[in-house]
Amino acid sequence: MTTATAPAQDLADSAFLKAVRGEPVPHTPVWFMRQAGRSLPEYLRVREGVGMLESCMDPDLVVEITMQPVRRYGVDAAIFFSDIVLPLKAVGVDLDIKPGIGPVVAEPVRTLADVAAIPDLTPEHVPFITQAVQGLVGELGATPLIGFAGAPFTVASYLVEGGPSKEHAKTKAMMFGAPEVWEALMAKIAGIAAAYLEVQVAAGASAVQLFDSWAGALTPADYVEHVMPHSARVLERAGALGVPRIHFGVGTSNLLGLMGQAGADVVGVDWRTPLTQAIGQVGDRAVQGNLDPTLVFAPTDVMTSRAAEVIEAGRAARGHVFNLGHGVIPSTDPDQLARLTEFVQSYPL
């Protein structure tokens, strides 16, 4: 791995970092959630026979996978290749990612003793993360690296349910019926997530994204009382490091304003909410998004026409980072994503 880094000014002048700071940009910056993998043949080759968590703990593999979409598409930012449950694995929680299922926890959390048994994360738990980020910063040069962590509610849901859930019934049962256990668990996960982001920023990440996959299962009132304070603590600790913070959730049309208030500089918007509507909710903040991920399967002219609508809508925001409204679908044609990237970056401002 090379250890040379780009001058700080080159990074600061990147279209991505300008957009998240609300400054004029040379073009609308674009990157894609889950751009590092799944749909890329080169990703499938290097991941063959290697488990997801194993790949996330191999610094050389993390560098290679994170770099692949940057090389292929020329996107304006790289997203650190990781998984939301990796910090839990690193501190010793017995879990695995089952193909076709997702994270599966051997012994779900039920009691205060279960929470207390989860260690706090320190840099010594994740030396491979520091090594990977340092290697990436050298490879990326003037392209910013976005650090990544799962938000407390989503990670808590996996720990309580024992795996993915559509209803989050056990999670909400704890939230409403055992609030002391819930608060302890959320505080524990918030500390782990914040420490995980701090490790990435200390090693050279230029921004961070807090990803709340399941927050859309909550009412605004329940989000405010049971979740928002913990996400806010994560974002506050990341903000203290001087890096921009992106906060993204799925199905969170009713929470966008609150997610911004939790401490985000940029609010990610999924494809269900028109960007014009979202901008009115998030206040004086940048937005990220929000082309429907399935539009890359449409004819190119249809895809680019809809992308133009997103870019035009984004002009009303403090800043706009183009992205899909969720992650890249595994069966996406990489060439079509390349066409989308070129279209966005060449779109006249």
Protein backbone atom coordinates (compact mmCIF):
# COMPACT_ATOMS: atom_id res chain seq x y z
CA MET A 1 0.00 0.00 0.00
CA THR A 2 1.17 3.49 -0.73
CA THR A 3 1.23 5.96 2.14
CA ALA A 4 1.45 9.16 0.10
CA THR A 5 -1.46 11.51 0.69
CA ALA A 6 -2.97 14.36 -1.28
CA PRO A 7 -2.41 17.90 -0.04
CA ALA A 8 -5.18 18.92 2.34
CA GLN A 9 -6.21 21.72 0.02
CA ASP A 10 -6.80 19.31 -2.86
CA LEU A 11 -9.19 17.34 -0.66
CA ALA A 12 -10.90 20.47 0.63
CA ASP A 13 -11.48 21.57 -2.96
CA SER A 14 -13.25 18.34 -3.89
CA ALA A 15 -16.77 18.76 -5.25
CA PHE A 16 -18.11 16.41 -2.57
CA LEU A 17 -16.69 18.32 0.41
CA LYS A 18 -17.68 21.65 -1.12
CA ALA A 19 -21.26 20.43 -1.53
CA VAL A 20 -21.59 19.14 2.02
CA ARG A 21 -20.27 22.47 3.30
CA GLY A 22 -22.81 24.33 1.17
CA GLU A 23 -20.17 25.95 -1.04
CA PRO A 24 -20.35 26.44 -4.83
CA VAL A 25 -19.32 23.31 -6.71
CA PRO A 26 -17.71 22.72 -10.13
CA HIS A 27 -20.30 20.00 -10.76
CA THR A 28 -22.89 18.10 -8.76
CA PRO A 29 -20.86 15.49 -6.88
CA VAL A 30 -21.98 11.88 -7.05
CA TRP A 31 -21.28 8.65 -5.21
CA PHE A 32 -23.44 5.59 -4.64
CA MET A 33 -24.34 3.74 -1.49
CA ARG A 34 -23.09 0.14 -1.79
CA GLN A 35 -21.00 1.22 -4.77
CA ALA A 36 -18.16 -0.88 -3.33
CA GLY A 37 -19.27 -4.31 -4.39
CA ARG A 38 -22.20 -6.58 -5.15
CA SER A 39 -22.79 -5.46 -8.74
CA LEU A 40 -19.14 -5.32 -9.84
CA PRO A 41 -17.57 -8.40 -11.44
CA GLU A 42 -14.19 -7.44 -10.01
CA TYR A 43 -15.77 -7.38 -6.54
CA LEU A 44 -17.30 -10.81 -6.99
CA ARG A 45 -13.89 -12.15 -8.05
CA VAL A 46 -11.99 -10.90 -5.00
CA ARG A 47 -14.79 -11.92 -2.62
CA GLU A 48 -15.08 -15.46 -3.98
CA GLY A 49 -14.78 -17.86 -1.07
CA VAL A 50 -14.28 -15.05 1.46
CA GLY A 51 -16.96 -14.35 4.07
CA MET A 52 -18.35 -10.84 4.45
CA LEU A 53 -16.96 -10.15 7.90
CA GLU A 54 -13.66 -11.80 6.99
CA SER A 55 -13.35 -9.49 4.00
CA CYS A 56 -14.10 -6.45 6.18
CA MET A 57 -11.21 -7.36 8.47
CA ASP A 58 -8.62 -7.79 5.71
CA PRO A 59 -7.02 -4.36 5.13
CA ASP A 60 -5.73 -5.17 1.65
CA LEU A 61 -9.14 -6.47 0.60
CA VAL A 62 -10.93 -3.45 2.09
CA VAL A 63 -8.65 -1.13 0.13
CA GLU A 64 -9.18 -3.04 -3.09
CA ILE A 65 -12.96 -3.23 -2.75
CA THR A 66 -13.33 0.41 -1.73
CA MET A 67 -11.19 1.50 -4.67
CA GLN A 68 -12.95 -0.57 -7.34
CA PRO A 69 -15.92 1.78 -7.98
CA VAL A 70 -13.65 4.82 -7.77
CA ARG A 71 -11.49 3.39 -10.54
CA ARG A 72 -14.45 2.23 -12.62
CA TYR A 73 -16.78 5.21 -12.29
CA GLY A 74 -14.65 8.16 -11.20
CA VAL A 75 -17.14 9.00 -8.45
CA ASP A 76 -16.54 12.03 -6.26
CA ALA A 77 -16.20 10.11 -3.00
CA ALA A 78 -15.35 6.64 -1.77
CA ILE A 79 -17.38 4.90 0.92
CA PHE A 80 -15.39 2.76 3.34
CA PHE A 81 -16.16 -0.92 2.76
CA SER A 82 -17.49 -2.31 6.01
CA ASP A 83 -20.66 -3.63 7.60
CA ILE A 84 -22.84 -2.17 10.33
CA VAL A 85 -22.28 -5.16 12.63
CA LEU A 86 -18.50 -5.33 12.19
CA PRO A 87 -17.74 -3.28 15.34
CA LEU A 88 -19.83 -5.75 17.37
CA LYS A 89 -17.87 -8.64 15.90
CA ALA A 90 -14.64 -6.83 16.69
CA VAL A 91 -15.49 -6.49 20.39
CA GLY A 92 -16.41 -10.16 20.63
CA VAL A 93 -20.16 -10.47 20.03
CA ASP A 94 -20.93 -13.92 18.59
CA LEU A 95 -22.48 -13.12 15.23
CA ASP A 96 -22.11 -13.92 11.57
CA ILE A 97 -23.50 -12.67 8.28
CA LYS A 98 -25.41 -15.47 6.60
CA PRO A 99 -25.65 -15.26 2.79
CA GLY A 100 -29.18 -14.44 1.76
CA ILE A 101 -30.21 -13.67 5.35
CA GLY A 102 -27.97 -11.00 6.85
CA PRO A 103 -26.48 -10.59 10.33
CA VAL A 104 -27.41 -13.38 12.74
CA VAL A 105 -26.63 -13.05 16.47
CA ALA A 106 -26.07 -16.27 18.41
CA GLU A 107 -27.35 -14.97 21.76
CA PRO A 108 -29.77 -12.01 21.40
CA VAL A 109 -29.69 -9.27 24.02
CA ARG A 110 -32.47 -9.49 26.61
CA THR A 111 -31.18 -8.16 29.94
CA LEU A 112 -28.96 -5.51 31.51
CA ALA A 113 -26.39 -8.24 32.11
CA ASP A 114 -26.39 -9.01 28.39
CA VAL A 115 -25.68 -5.34 27.66
CA ALA A 116 -22.95 -5.15 30.29
CA ALA A 117 -21.25 -8.16 28.71
CA ILE A 118 -20.63 -6.22 25.49
CA PRO A 119 -17.22 -4.51 25.69
CA ASP A 120 -16.71 -0.90 24.64
CA LEU A 121 -14.78 -0.54 21.40
CA THR A 122 -11.23 0.80 21.45
CA PRO A 123 -8.77 1.32 18.58
CA GLU A 124 -7.01 -1.84 19.75
CA HIS A 125 -10.08 -3.85 18.69
CA VAL A 126 -9.83 -2.68 15.09
CA PRO A 127 -6.19 -2.20 14.03
CA PHE A 128 -7.18 -3.49 10.57
CA ILE A 129 -9.53 -0.50 10.19
CA THR A 130 -6.76 1.99 10.85
CA GLN A 131 -4.50 0.17 8.42
CA ALA A 132 -7.19 0.03 5.71
CA VAL A 133 -8.15 3.69 6.00
CA GLN A 134 -4.52 4.82 5.92
CA GLY A 135 -3.94 2.71 2.84
CA LEU A 136 -7.05 4.09 1.19
CA VAL A 137 -6.19 7.71 1.85
CA GLY A 138 -2.91 7.12 0.05
CA GLU A 139 -4.61 5.44 -2.90
CA LEU A 140 -7.45 7.95 -3.18
CA GLY A 141 -5.39 11.11 -3.35
CA ALA A 142 -7.78 14.05 -3.80
CA THR A 143 -10.92 11.85 -3.62
CA PRO A 144 -12.47 12.00 -0.14
CA LEU A 145 -13.14 8.87 1.88
CA ILE A 146 -16.44 8.62 3.76
CA GLY A 147 -16.29 6.71 7.02
CA PHE A 148 -19.21 4.49 7.88
CA ALA A 149 -21.15 3.20 10.88
CA GLY A 150 -24.54 1.72 11.62
CA ALA A 151 -26.86 3.87 13.73
CA PRO A 152 -27.81 2.70 17.23
CA PHE A 153 -31.44 1.77 16.48
CA THR A 154 -30.61 -0.43 13.51
CA VAL A 155 -27.72 -2.19 15.24
CA ALA A 156 -29.84 -2.63 18.39
CA SER A 157 -32.56 -4.24 16.31
CA TYR A 158 -30.16 -6.92 15.07
CA LEU A 159 -28.94 -7.58 18.61
CA VAL A 160 -32.43 -7.83 20.09
CA GLU A 161 -34.13 -9.71 17.24
CA GLY A 162 -31.17 -12.01 16.67
CA GLY A 163 -31.26 -11.19 12.95
CA PRO A 164 -33.14 -9.14 10.37
CA SER A 165 -36.79 -8.35 11.11
CA LYS A 166 -39.60 -6.68 9.21
CA GLU A 167 -41.78 -5.93 12.22
CA HIS A 168 -39.09 -5.20 14.85
CA ALA A 169 -41.56 -6.56 17.41
CA LYS A 170 -38.96 -7.73 19.94
CA THR A 171 -37.05 -4.50 19.52
CA LYS A 172 -40.10 -2.36 20.22
CA ALA A 173 -41.17 -4.65 23.05
CA MET A 174 -37.88 -3.89 24.78
CA MET A 175 -38.11 -0.19 23.94
CA PHE A 176 -41.58 0.12 25.47
CA GLY A 177 -41.53 -2.64 28.07
CA ALA A 178 -37.95 -2.67 29.39
CA PRO A 179 -36.81 0.93 28.93
CA GLU A 180 -33.87 0.58 31.31
CA VAL A 181 -32.43 -2.26 29.20
CA TRP A 182 -33.18 -0.35 26.00
CA GLU A 183 -31.45 2.82 27.20
CA ALA A 184 -28.40 0.87 28.34
CA LEU A 185 -28.20 -0.99 25.03
CA MET A 186 -28.57 2.16 22.94
CA ALA A 187 -25.94 3.96 25.01
CA LYS A 188 -23.58 1.01 24.57
CA ILE A 189 -24.06 0.88 20.79
CA ALA A 190 -23.79 4.66 20.45
CA GLY A 191 -20.43 4.53 22.20
CA ILE A 192 -19.24 1.72 19.94
CA ALA A 193 -20.42 3.50 16.78
CA ALA A 194 -18.83 6.79 17.79
CA ALA A 195 -15.53 5.11 18.63
CA TYR A 196 -15.63 3.24 15.31
CA LEU A 197 -16.09 6.49 13.40
CA GLU A 198 -13.35 8.16 15.46
CA VAL A 199 -10.90 5.44 14.44
CA GLN A 200 -11.74 6.00 10.77
CA VAL A 201 -11.44 9.79 10.98
CA ALA A 202 -8.20 9.58 12.95
CA ALA A 203 -6.77 7.45 10.14
CA GLY A 204 -7.81 9.93 7.45
CA ALA A 205 -11.52 9.70 6.55
CA SER A 206 -12.81 13.08 5.35
CA ALA A 207 -16.51 12.64 6.24
CA VAL A 208 -18.76 10.09 7.93
CA GLN A 209 -22.15 8.53 7.26
CA LEU A 210 -24.42 7.16 9.97
CA PHE A 211 -26.71 4.60 8.36
CA ASP A 212 -30.08 3.85 10.02
CA SER A 213 -31.64 1.10 7.90
CA TRP A 214 -34.66 0.50 10.13
CA ALA A 215 -35.46 3.94 11.61
CA GLY A 216 -38.44 4.19 9.27
CA ALA A 217 -40.23 1.70 11.53
CA LEU A 218 -40.63 4.42 14.16
CA THR A 219 -43.12 7.20 14.78
CA PRO A 220 -41.62 10.68 15.21
CA ALA A 221 -42.51 10.70 18.90
CA ASP A 222 -40.87 7.34 19.56
CA TYR A 223 -37.82 8.40 17.54
CA VAL A 224 -37.45 11.57 19.62
CA GLU A 225 -37.79 9.78 22.95
CA HIS A 226 -36.01 6.50 22.41
CA VAL A 227 -33.58 6.89 19.50
CA MET A 228 -32.66 10.44 18.57
CA PRO A 229 -30.58 11.21 21.72
CA HIS A 230 -28.34 8.23 21.02
CA SER A 231 -27.83 8.99 17.33
CA ALA A 232 -27.15 12.58 18.35
CA ARG A 233 -24.34 11.45 20.65
CA VAL A 234 -22.69 9.55 17.81
CA LEU A 235 -22.98 12.53 15.47
CA GLU A 236 -21.78 14.94 18.17
CA ARG A 237 -18.59 12.95 18.72
CA ALA A 238 -17.99 12.74 14.98
CA GLY A 239 -18.63 16.48 14.62
CA ALA A 240 -16.07 17.22 17.30
CA LEU A 241 -13.47 15.83 14.88
CA GLY A 242 -14.30 18.53 12.34
CA VAL A 243 -15.65 16.28 9.58
CA PRO A 244 -19.02 16.58 7.81
CA ARG A 245 -21.70 14.14 8.95
CA ILE A 246 -24.27 12.43 6.70
CA HIS A 247 -27.33 10.87 8.33
CA PHE A 248 -29.31 8.44 6.19
CA GLY A 249 -32.32 6.26 6.88
CA VAL A 250 -34.71 4.16 4.83
CA GLY A 251 -38.42 4.99 4.75
CA THR A 252 -37.84 8.03 6.93
CA SER A 253 -40.05 10.60 5.19
CA ASN A 254 -41.61 11.48 8.55
CA LEU A 255 -38.26 11.75 10.34
CA LEU A 256 -36.08 13.81 7.98
CA GLY A 257 -36.27 17.02 10.02
CA LEU A 258 -35.49 15.17 13.22
CA MET A 259 -32.59 13.31 11.64
CA GLY A 260 -31.14 16.65 10.65
CA GLN A 261 -31.62 18.02 14.15
CA ALA A 262 -29.81 14.99 15.55
CA GLY A 263 -26.63 16.59 14.29
CA ALA A 264 -26.34 15.99 10.57
CA ASP A 265 -24.67 18.35 8.14
CA VAL A 266 -26.20 16.34 5.28
CA VAL A 267 -29.50 14.45 5.41
CA GLY A 268 -29.72 11.45 3.10
CA VAL A 269 -33.10 11.07 1.43
CA ASP A 270 -34.43 7.76 0.13
CA TRP A 271 -36.27 7.57 -3.18
CA ARG A 272 -39.75 7.58 -1.64
CA THR A 273 -39.61 11.26 -0.70
CA PRO A 274 -39.41 13.93 -3.42
CA LEU A 275 -36.27 15.96 -2.89
CA THR A 276 -38.28 19.17 -3.06
CA GLN A 277 -40.32 17.99 -0.08
CA ALA A 278 -37.27 16.80 1.83
CA ILE A 279 -35.41 20.08 1.43
CA GLY A 280 -38.29 21.87 3.10
CA GLN A 281 -38.00 19.56 6.11
CA VAL A 282 -34.26 19.51 6.77
CA GLY A 283 -33.64 23.24 7.21
CA ASP A 284 -30.35 24.85 6.30
CA ARG A 285 -28.61 21.57 5.54
CA ALA A 286 -27.28 19.81 2.48
CA VAL A 287 -29.16 16.80 1.12
CA GLN A 288 -28.01 13.57 -0.44
CA GLY A 289 -29.94 11.50 -2.94
CA ASN A 290 -32.24 10.35 -4.26
CA LEU A 291 -32.77 8.56 -7.60
CA ASP A 292 -34.82 5.37 -7.36
CA PRO A 293 -32.23 2.55 -7.56
CA THR A 294 -34.42 0.67 -10.04
CA LEU A 295 -34.17 3.47 -12.60
CA VAL A 296 -30.75 2.18 -13.63
CA PHE A 297 -32.67 -0.71 -15.20
CA ALA A 298 -34.71 1.70 -17.34
CA PRO A 299 -33.63 2.94 -20.79
CA THR A 300 -30.71 5.33 -20.46
CA ASP A 301 -32.71 8.36 -21.59
CA VAL A 302 -35.37 7.66 -18.98
CA MET A 303 -32.74 7.24 -16.26
CA THR A 304 -30.92 10.44 -17.16
CA SER A 305 -34.16 12.41 -17.48
CA ARG A 306 -35.13 11.43 -13.95
CA ALA A 307 -31.60 12.13 -12.74
CA ALA A 308 -31.87 15.63 -14.19
CA GLU A 309 -35.05 16.17 -12.17
CA VAL A 310 -33.18 15.19 -9.01
CA ILE A 311 -30.29 17.56 -9.80
CA GLU A 312 -32.66 20.41 -10.55
CA ALA A 313 -34.54 19.83 -7.30
CA GLY A 314 -31.27 19.76 -5.39
CA ARG A 315 -30.48 23.33 -6.41
CA ALA A 316 -32.85 24.57 -3.70
CA ALA A 317 -30.81 22.94 -0.92
CA ARG A 318 -27.83 24.38 0.90
CA GLY A 319 -25.82 21.74 -0.94
CA HIS A 320 -26.61 18.60 -2.91
CA VAL A 321 -24.74 15.33 -3.28
CA PHE A 322 -26.28 13.10 -5.94
CA ASN A 323 -26.85 9.49 -4.93
CA LEU A 324 -29.38 6.75 -5.33
CA GLY A 325 -32.22 6.68 -2.83
CA HIS A 326 -30.74 3.49 -1.34
CA GLY A 327 -27.93 1.08 -2.21
CA VAL A 328 -26.95 -0.20 -5.63
CA ILE A 329 -29.02 -3.29 -6.49
CA PRO A 330 -26.75 -6.35 -7.03
CA SER A 331 -28.00 -7.01 -10.57
CA THR A 332 -27.25 -3.43 -11.71
CA ASP A 333 -25.29 -3.14 -14.97
CA PRO A 334 -22.03 -1.38 -14.05
CA ASP A 335 -21.92 0.27 -17.47
CA GLN A 336 -25.28 1.91 -16.81
CA LEU A 337 -24.01 3.25 -13.50
CA ALA A 338 -20.99 4.63 -15.34
CA ARG A 339 -23.34 6.44 -17.76
CA LEU A 340 -25.26 7.88 -14.81
CA THR A 341 -22.07 9.11 -13.15
CA GLU A 342 -20.90 10.80 -16.34
CA PHE A 343 -24.32 12.39 -16.84
CA VAL A 344 -24.44 13.84 -13.32
CA GLN A 345 -20.87 15.15 -13.39
CA SER A 346 -21.35 16.80 -16.79
CA TYR A 347 -24.80 18.26 -16.06
CA PRO A 348 -24.62 22.06 -16.38
CA LEU A 349 -25.04 23.97 -13.16
